N, C-alpha and C. Protein backbone atom coordinates (compact mmCIF):
# COMPACT_ATOMS: atom_id res chain seq x y z
N MET A 1 103.10 101.50 97.72
CA MET A 1 103.65 100.15 97.83
C MET A 1 105.16 100.25 98.03
N LYS A 2 105.67 99.49 98.96
CA LYS A 2 107.10 99.49 99.25
C LYS A 2 107.87 98.81 98.12
N ASP A 3 108.99 99.42 97.71
CA ASP A 3 109.84 98.81 96.69
C ASP A 3 110.77 97.85 97.39
N HIS A 4 110.59 96.55 97.15
CA HIS A 4 111.38 95.52 97.82
C HIS A 4 112.81 95.46 97.32
N LEU A 5 113.13 96.18 96.25
CA LEU A 5 114.50 96.17 95.73
C LEU A 5 115.36 97.22 96.41
N THR A 6 114.74 98.13 97.16
CA THR A 6 115.48 99.16 97.86
C THR A 6 116.37 98.52 98.92
N GLY A 7 117.61 98.94 98.96
CA GLY A 7 118.53 98.44 99.97
C GLY A 7 119.34 97.23 99.55
N ILE A 8 119.04 96.65 98.41
CA ILE A 8 119.83 95.52 97.91
C ILE A 8 121.03 96.09 97.17
N PRO A 9 122.23 95.66 97.50
CA PRO A 9 123.42 96.17 96.82
C PRO A 9 123.32 96.00 95.30
N ASP A 10 123.84 97.01 94.57
CA ASP A 10 123.75 97.00 93.10
C ASP A 10 124.29 95.72 92.47
N MET A 11 125.38 95.19 93.01
CA MET A 11 125.94 93.98 92.41
C MET A 11 124.98 92.80 92.53
N HIS A 12 124.23 92.74 93.63
CA HIS A 12 123.24 91.67 93.80
C HIS A 12 122.07 91.88 92.85
N LEU A 13 121.61 93.14 92.71
CA LEU A 13 120.52 93.43 91.79
C LEU A 13 120.90 93.05 90.37
N LYS A 14 122.11 93.42 89.97
CA LYS A 14 122.56 93.11 88.61
C LYS A 14 122.59 91.60 88.39
N ALA A 15 123.11 90.87 89.36
CA ALA A 15 123.19 89.41 89.25
C ALA A 15 121.80 88.80 89.16
N ILE A 16 120.88 89.28 89.98
CA ILE A 16 119.51 88.76 89.97
C ILE A 16 118.86 89.04 88.62
N LYS A 17 119.00 90.27 88.13
CA LYS A 17 118.38 90.64 86.85
C LYS A 17 118.96 89.83 85.71
N GLU A 18 120.28 89.64 85.71
CA GLU A 18 120.91 88.85 84.65
C GLU A 18 120.45 87.40 84.71
N GLU A 19 120.37 86.87 85.93
CA GLU A 19 119.94 85.48 86.08
C GLU A 19 118.49 85.30 85.64
N LEU A 20 117.63 86.25 86.00
CA LEU A 20 116.24 86.17 85.56
C LEU A 20 116.14 86.24 84.05
N ALA A 21 116.90 87.14 83.44
CA ALA A 21 116.87 87.28 81.98
C ALA A 21 117.35 86.01 81.30
N CYS A 22 118.38 85.38 81.84
CA CYS A 22 118.94 84.18 81.22
C CYS A 22 118.04 82.97 81.41
N THR A 23 117.44 82.82 82.56
CA THR A 23 116.71 81.58 82.84
C THR A 23 115.24 81.63 82.45
N THR A 24 114.73 82.79 82.05
CA THR A 24 113.33 82.81 81.64
C THR A 24 113.11 81.97 80.40
N MET A 25 114.18 81.68 79.68
CA MET A 25 114.07 80.81 78.51
C MET A 25 114.38 79.36 78.87
N GLY A 26 114.71 79.10 80.14
CA GLY A 26 115.07 77.75 80.57
C GLY A 26 113.84 76.89 80.81
N ASN A 27 114.11 75.71 81.36
CA ASN A 27 112.99 74.82 81.66
C ASN A 27 112.27 75.27 82.93
N LYS A 28 111.17 74.63 83.21
CA LYS A 28 110.33 75.01 84.35
C LYS A 28 111.11 74.99 85.67
N GLU A 29 111.95 74.00 85.85
CA GLU A 29 112.71 73.86 87.09
C GLU A 29 113.70 75.02 87.26
N GLU A 30 114.40 75.39 86.18
CA GLU A 30 115.36 76.49 86.25
C GLU A 30 114.67 77.81 86.56
N VAL A 31 113.55 78.05 85.89
CA VAL A 31 112.82 79.29 86.11
C VAL A 31 112.29 79.33 87.54
N GLY A 32 111.76 78.23 88.03
CA GLY A 32 111.25 78.17 89.39
C GLY A 32 112.33 78.46 90.42
N PHE A 33 113.52 77.89 90.22
CA PHE A 33 114.63 78.12 91.14
C PHE A 33 115.00 79.60 91.16
N THR A 34 115.07 80.21 89.99
CA THR A 34 115.45 81.62 89.90
C THR A 34 114.41 82.51 90.55
N LEU A 35 113.14 82.21 90.34
CA LEU A 35 112.09 83.02 90.95
C LEU A 35 112.10 82.88 92.47
N ARG A 36 112.36 81.67 92.97
CA ARG A 36 112.46 81.50 94.43
C ARG A 36 113.63 82.31 94.98
N ARG A 37 114.74 82.31 94.28
CA ARG A 37 115.91 83.09 94.70
C ARG A 37 115.57 84.59 94.69
N PHE A 38 114.88 85.04 93.66
CA PHE A 38 114.45 86.43 93.57
C PHE A 38 113.56 86.78 94.76
N GLN A 39 112.63 85.88 95.10
CA GLN A 39 111.75 86.12 96.24
C GLN A 39 112.54 86.22 97.54
N GLU A 40 113.55 85.38 97.72
CA GLU A 40 114.37 85.42 98.93
C GLU A 40 115.08 86.77 99.07
N TYR A 41 115.62 87.28 97.99
CA TYR A 41 116.35 88.55 98.02
C TYR A 41 115.42 89.74 98.22
N THR A 42 114.22 89.69 97.63
CA THR A 42 113.38 90.88 97.59
C THR A 42 112.17 90.84 98.52
N GLY A 43 111.75 89.64 98.90
CA GLY A 43 110.52 89.53 99.68
C GLY A 43 109.28 89.72 98.82
N ALA A 44 109.45 89.72 97.50
CA ALA A 44 108.34 89.93 96.58
C ALA A 44 107.41 88.71 96.57
N ASP A 45 106.13 88.98 96.35
CA ASP A 45 105.21 87.86 96.19
C ASP A 45 105.05 87.57 94.69
N GLU A 46 104.31 86.52 94.35
CA GLU A 46 104.20 86.10 92.95
C GLU A 46 103.58 87.16 92.06
N LEU A 47 102.60 87.90 92.58
CA LEU A 47 101.96 88.95 91.79
C LEU A 47 102.96 90.05 91.44
N MET A 48 103.80 90.43 92.40
CA MET A 48 104.81 91.45 92.14
C MET A 48 105.81 90.97 91.10
N ILE A 49 106.18 89.70 91.18
CA ILE A 49 107.13 89.14 90.22
C ILE A 49 106.51 89.14 88.83
N ASP A 50 105.25 88.74 88.71
CA ASP A 50 104.57 88.75 87.42
C ASP A 50 104.57 90.16 86.83
N ALA A 51 104.31 91.16 87.66
CA ALA A 51 104.27 92.54 87.19
C ALA A 51 105.64 92.99 86.71
N ARG A 52 106.69 92.64 87.44
CA ARG A 52 108.04 93.05 87.05
C ARG A 52 108.47 92.38 85.75
N ILE A 53 108.12 91.13 85.58
CA ILE A 53 108.47 90.42 84.35
C ILE A 53 107.71 91.02 83.17
N ALA A 54 106.45 91.39 83.39
CA ALA A 54 105.63 91.94 82.33
C ALA A 54 106.18 93.26 81.80
N VAL A 55 106.78 94.06 82.67
CA VAL A 55 107.29 95.36 82.23
C VAL A 55 108.76 95.31 81.84
N ALA A 56 109.42 94.20 82.07
CA ALA A 56 110.85 94.08 81.77
C ALA A 56 111.09 93.98 80.28
């Protein structure tokens, strides 16, 4: 399986990870926005996102 995070600059990865960590405790709208942003950066589908959150 291709790693969709490959090629993303470290500063963007750090920002995405921090934002995901901060907003997972937010309301449904905030979490949805962050996940959509994550998908835009990585091309990940929902199953991949679920797996990454589960191991984080």
